[in-house]
Protein backbone atom coordinates (compact mmCIF):
# COMPACT_ATOMS: atom_id res chain seq x y z
CA MET A 1 138.45 280.23 15.66
CA THR A 2 139.82 276.91 16.89
CA ARG A 3 141.13 276.34 20.39
CA ILE A 4 144.59 275.71 18.94
CA SER A 5 144.47 279.14 17.29
CA LEU A 6 143.51 280.65 20.62
CA LEU A 7 146.44 278.93 22.29
CA LEU A 8 148.63 280.65 19.73
CA LEU A 9 147.03 283.94 20.62
CA LEU A 10 147.65 283.88 24.31
CA VAL A 11 150.32 283.23 26.88
CA LEU A 12 148.77 281.66 29.95
CA GLY A 13 150.08 281.69 33.46
CA LEU A 14 151.27 278.09 33.19
CA SER A 15 154.71 279.48 32.39
CA VAL A 16 156.84 282.40 33.48
CA GLN A 17 158.60 284.69 31.02
CA VAL A 18 161.32 287.01 32.30
CA MET A 19 163.11 289.41 30.00
CA ALA A 20 164.53 292.89 30.00
CA GLN A 21 162.09 295.64 29.18
CA THR A 22 163.35 298.58 27.17
CA GLU A 23 161.64 301.93 27.37
CA SER A 24 160.53 303.33 24.02
CA THR A 25 158.23 305.91 22.47
CA TYR A 26 156.56 303.15 20.40
CA HIS A 27 155.42 299.70 21.45
CA VAL A 28 153.63 296.96 19.51
CA PHE A 29 151.85 294.03 21.16
CA PRO A 30 151.20 291.42 18.43
CA VAL A 31 148.26 289.93 20.34
CA VAL A 32 145.33 291.41 22.26
CA ALA A 33 142.40 289.20 23.26
CA ASP A 34 139.11 290.09 24.93
CA GLY A 35 135.72 288.49 25.36
CA GLN A 36 133.71 285.34 25.88
CA PHE A 37 133.36 281.99 24.14
CA SER A 38 130.12 280.08 23.81
CA ASP A 39 131.03 277.94 26.85
CA GLY A 40 131.27 281.04 29.06
CA THR A 41 135.06 281.09 29.42
CA PHE A 42 136.62 284.45 28.63
CA TYR A 43 139.80 286.47 28.28
CA VAL A 44 140.80 289.88 29.63
CA SER A 45 143.80 291.93 28.49
CA THR A 46 145.47 294.41 30.83
CA PHE A 47 147.86 297.16 29.74
CA MET A 48 150.54 298.40 32.15
CA ILE A 49 152.45 301.56 31.23
CA SER A 50 155.13 303.25 33.37
CA ASN A 51 156.92 306.60 33.10
CA SER A 52 160.28 306.41 34.87
CA SER A 53 161.16 310.06 34.27
CA ALA A 54 160.90 312.39 37.26
CA THR A 55 160.67 315.46 35.00
CA VAL A 56 158.94 314.51 31.73
CA ALA A 57 155.17 314.09 31.37
CA PRO A 58 154.47 312.19 28.12
CA SER A 59 151.15 312.01 26.33
CA CYS A 60 150.28 308.61 24.83
CA SER A 61 147.88 307.07 22.33
CA LEU A 62 146.89 303.42 22.75
CA ARG A 63 145.43 301.99 19.54
CA MET A 64 143.57 298.73 19.03
CA ASN A 65 143.88 297.15 15.60
CA GLY A 66 141.31 294.57 14.56
CA LEU A 67 139.07 294.96 17.59
CA ALA A 68 137.36 297.53 19.83
CA VAL A 69 137.44 297.29 23.62
CA ASP A 70 136.29 299.18 26.68
CA LEU A 71 138.82 299.83 29.43
CA THR A 72 138.65 300.17 33.19
CA ASP A 73 141.61 302.02 34.71
CA GLU A 74 143.37 301.77 38.08
CA PHE A 75 140.80 304.13 39.63
CA ASN A 76 137.97 301.85 38.44
CA SER A 77 136.89 304.48 35.91
CA ARG A 78 135.44 302.93 32.75
CA VAL A 79 136.19 304.26 29.27
CA PRO A 80 133.53 303.28 26.69
CA ARG A 81 134.37 300.87 23.87
CA ASN A 82 136.67 302.35 21.28
CA THR A 83 139.70 301.56 19.14
CA GLN A 84 141.90 304.43 20.35
CA PHE A 85 142.57 305.83 23.81
CA THR A 86 144.52 308.91 24.92
CA LEU A 87 146.33 309.11 28.24
CA ASN A 88 148.69 311.55 29.91
CA LEU A 89 151.35 310.40 32.34
CA ALA A 90 152.69 312.75 35.00
CA PRO A 91 156.38 312.45 35.97
CA SER A 92 157.05 309.07 37.64
CA ALA A 93 153.42 308.08 37.06
CA TRP A 94 151.93 304.84 35.76
CA TYR A 95 148.74 303.68 34.06
CA LEU A 96 146.89 300.39 34.28
CA ALA A 97 143.73 299.48 32.39
CA GLU A 98 141.97 296.21 31.64
CA THR A 99 139.39 295.17 29.07
CA SER A 100 136.01 293.96 30.28
CA GLY A 101 135.95 290.47 28.77
CA THR A 102 132.19 290.75 28.24
CA GLN A 103 131.94 291.00 24.46
CA GLY A 104 132.00 288.04 22.08
CA PHE A 105 135.58 286.89 21.73
CA ALA A 106 137.68 289.29 19.64
CA SER A 107 141.40 289.48 18.93
CA GLY A 108 143.83 291.82 17.23
CA TYR A 109 146.96 293.71 18.21
CA ALA A 110 147.76 296.95 20.01
CA SER A 111 150.18 299.80 19.36
CA LEU A 112 151.24 302.46 21.86
CA PHE A 113 152.78 305.78 20.85
CA CYS A 114 154.07 308.24 23.47
CA SER A 115 155.77 311.62 23.22
CA ALA A 116 158.60 310.36 25.48
CA PRO A 117 159.93 306.86 26.26
CA VAL A 118 157.84 304.66 28.56
CA ALA A 119 157.94 301.03 29.66
CA ALA A 120 154.90 298.95 28.72
CA HIS A 121 153.66 295.39 28.78
CA ALA A 122 150.39 293.47 28.44
CA LEU A 123 148.90 290.94 30.82
CA TYR A 124 146.54 288.23 29.54
CA SER A 125 144.11 286.54 31.95
CA PHE A 126 141.89 283.53 31.27
CA TYR A 127 138.75 282.83 33.34
CA ASP A 128 136.36 279.90 33.54
CA ARG A 129 132.62 280.36 33.07
CA TYR A 130 132.21 281.12 36.78
CA GLY A 131 134.70 283.99 36.79
CA ASN A 132 137.53 282.05 38.40
CA LYS A 133 140.96 282.90 37.03
CA VAL A 134 142.48 279.84 35.36
CA GLY A 135 145.69 281.24 33.88
CA GLU A 136 147.63 284.42 33.43
CA GLY A 137 150.77 285.56 31.65
CA THR A 138 152.71 288.63 30.53
CA VAL A 139 153.94 289.65 27.08
CA PHE A 140 156.35 292.50 26.48
CA SER A 141 156.25 294.57 23.30
CA ALA A 142 157.84 292.96 20.25
CA LEU A 143 161.06 294.13 18.62
CA ARG A 144 160.82 295.64 15.15
CA GLY A 145 162.93 294.44 12.23
CA SER A 146 162.86 293.63 8.53
CA LEU A 147 164.27 290.19 9.39
CA VAL A 148 163.78 288.46 12.74
CA GLN A 149 164.82 285.07 14.08
CA LEU A 150 163.22 282.66 16.53
CA LEU A 151 164.70 279.42 17.85
CA ASP A 152 162.41 276.42 17.55
CA ASP A 153 162.73 273.17 19.52
CA GLN A 154 159.86 270.80 18.69
CA ARG A 155 161.15 267.73 20.49
CA SER A 156 158.82 265.87 22.87
CA GLY A 157 155.78 266.96 20.88
CA ALA A 158 156.29 270.71 21.25
CA ARG A 159 155.11 273.11 18.53
CA LEU A 160 155.99 276.73 17.88
CA GLY A 161 153.29 279.21 16.90
CA LEU A 162 154.02 282.56 15.27
CA ALA A 163 152.11 285.80 15.73
CA ILE A 164 153.24 287.92 12.74
CA THR A 165 152.10 291.54 12.82
CA ASN A 166 152.10 294.00 9.94
CA ASP A 167 151.93 297.49 11.47
CA ASN A 168 151.91 299.22 8.06
CA ASP A 169 148.97 300.81 6.25
CA PHE A 170 149.34 298.36 3.33
CA SER A 171 149.63 294.62 2.87
CA VAL A 172 153.10 293.10 3.11
CA THR A 173 154.36 289.71 1.94
CA TYR A 174 156.69 288.07 4.44
CA SER A 175 158.90 285.03 3.98
CA VAL A 176 159.06 282.27 6.60
CA ASN A 177 162.19 280.09 6.38
CA ALA A 178 163.03 277.08 8.56
CA LEU A 179 166.74 276.19 8.84
CA ASP A 180 168.22 273.08 10.46
CA THR A 181 171.03 272.91 13.01
CA ASN A 182 173.59 273.20 10.19
CA GLY A 183 171.95 276.32 8.77
CA GLN A 184 170.54 274.43 5.77
CA LEU A 185 167.12 275.47 4.47
CA LEU A 186 164.45 272.85 5.18
CA GLY A 187 161.38 274.75 4.09
CA SER A 188 160.25 278.16 2.93
CA THR A 189 156.98 279.90 2.19
CA SER A 190 155.58 283.37 1.63
CA ILE A 191 152.53 284.75 3.41
CA SER A 192 150.60 287.97 2.94
CA VAL A 193 149.56 289.91 6.03
CA GLY A 194 146.97 292.64 5.58
CA PRO A 195 147.42 296.23 6.73
CA ARG A 196 147.34 296.75 10.52
CA SER A 197 146.71 293.08 11.21
CA THR A 198 148.22 289.93 12.73
CA ARG A 199 148.45 286.44 11.26
CA LEU A 200 148.77 283.39 13.51
CA ASN A 201 150.08 279.97 12.48
CA PHE A 202 152.12 277.09 13.77
CA VAL A 203 155.47 276.83 11.99
CA ASP A 204 154.63 273.30 10.83
CA GLU A 205 151.45 274.64 9.22
CA LEU A 206 153.53 276.96 7.05
CA VAL A 207 156.53 274.82 6.11
CA SER A 208 157.30 271.10 6.05
CA ILE A 209 159.60 270.24 8.97
CA PRO A 210 160.30 267.04 10.96
CA SER A 211 158.21 266.43 14.06
CA ASP A 212 161.36 266.71 16.21
CA TYR A 213 162.65 269.80 14.41
CA ILE A 214 165.34 271.95 16.02
CA GLY A 215 166.59 275.08 14.28
CA GLN A 216 166.12 278.70 13.34
CA VAL A 217 162.94 280.20 11.95
CA LEU A 218 163.47 283.42 10.02
CA VAL A 219 160.62 285.84 9.24
CA GLY A 220 161.27 288.83 7.03
CA SER A 221 160.39 291.03 4.11
CA SER A 222 162.53 291.22 0.96
CA SER A 223 161.17 294.74 0.41
CA GLY A 224 162.57 295.86 3.76
CA GLN A 225 159.18 296.46 5.39
CA SER A 226 159.07 296.02 9.14
CA VAL A 227 157.56 293.06 10.96
CA TYR A 228 156.79 292.35 14.62
CA VAL A 229 156.81 288.70 15.69
CA ILE A 230 156.20 286.82 18.92
CA GLY A 231 156.64 283.05 19.16
CA LEU A 232 154.41 280.92 21.38
CA ARG A 233 155.73 277.45 22.24
CA PHE A 234 153.06 274.84 22.96
CA SER A 235 154.25 271.73 24.86
CA GLY A 236 151.37 269.66 26.17
CA PRO A 237 149.44 271.83 28.66
CA VAL A 238 152.34 274.27 29.09
CA PHE A 239 152.88 277.48 27.11
CA THR A 240 155.67 280.01 26.99
CA THR A 241 156.67 282.95 24.82
CA ILE A 242 159.69 282.78 22.52
CA PRO A 243 161.02 286.31 21.83
CA ALA A 244 162.29 287.20 18.38
CA THR A 245 165.86 288.37 17.77
CA VAL A 246 166.31 291.12 15.20
CA ARG A 247 168.70 290.04 12.43
CA ALA A 248 168.17 293.12 10.25
CA PRO A 249 166.63 296.44 11.35
């Protein structure tokens, strides 16, 4: 995996993303990263889940897709490496657990299903080879739709990366369309994403667009299958998330 691909995977603490968080019974995080590179640098993912109800006690299942991790919770209790974890939240309770970052680098995505609505987000932390934290950032769960839109501004050398997640049990072909400021189609392609997996690409790797492109990027499925997308804007040493807007449910 190239460093550019990794930059697409992660949101570092060089930028701040603030957005409303909606409680739901189902959350999808298009990117989870954990583990070390050959140079000793490593990533840790932390999951933060909150139950705002004072009366309901939901049970939840946190599933890793494409990787296995071990978790250490807020009480410093370690859960051995697995791909699925069960947790129960008391009324007004919360849960926090982080991966160890000790395995060889692995990435995938996570899904969270709860019996009642909860708020959830993921925190990504990057460390140097000596264990010093270099960057950190937060990603909220992605919105689900059969057609989603992201705004792309690639002036001043910026590039937009897409994390496209297929949360189905079968492969799905998605279209990626780039439109200019007048709504005219500049480029289009189709990509296949395997079952329960995420594909990561820069927009300009998928379609031919000008280096200073400004416009809409649409990702969708003509068959009506759902997709979860997060955009990651890379501008020199600075990164930020670009949330997707649902155009069709």
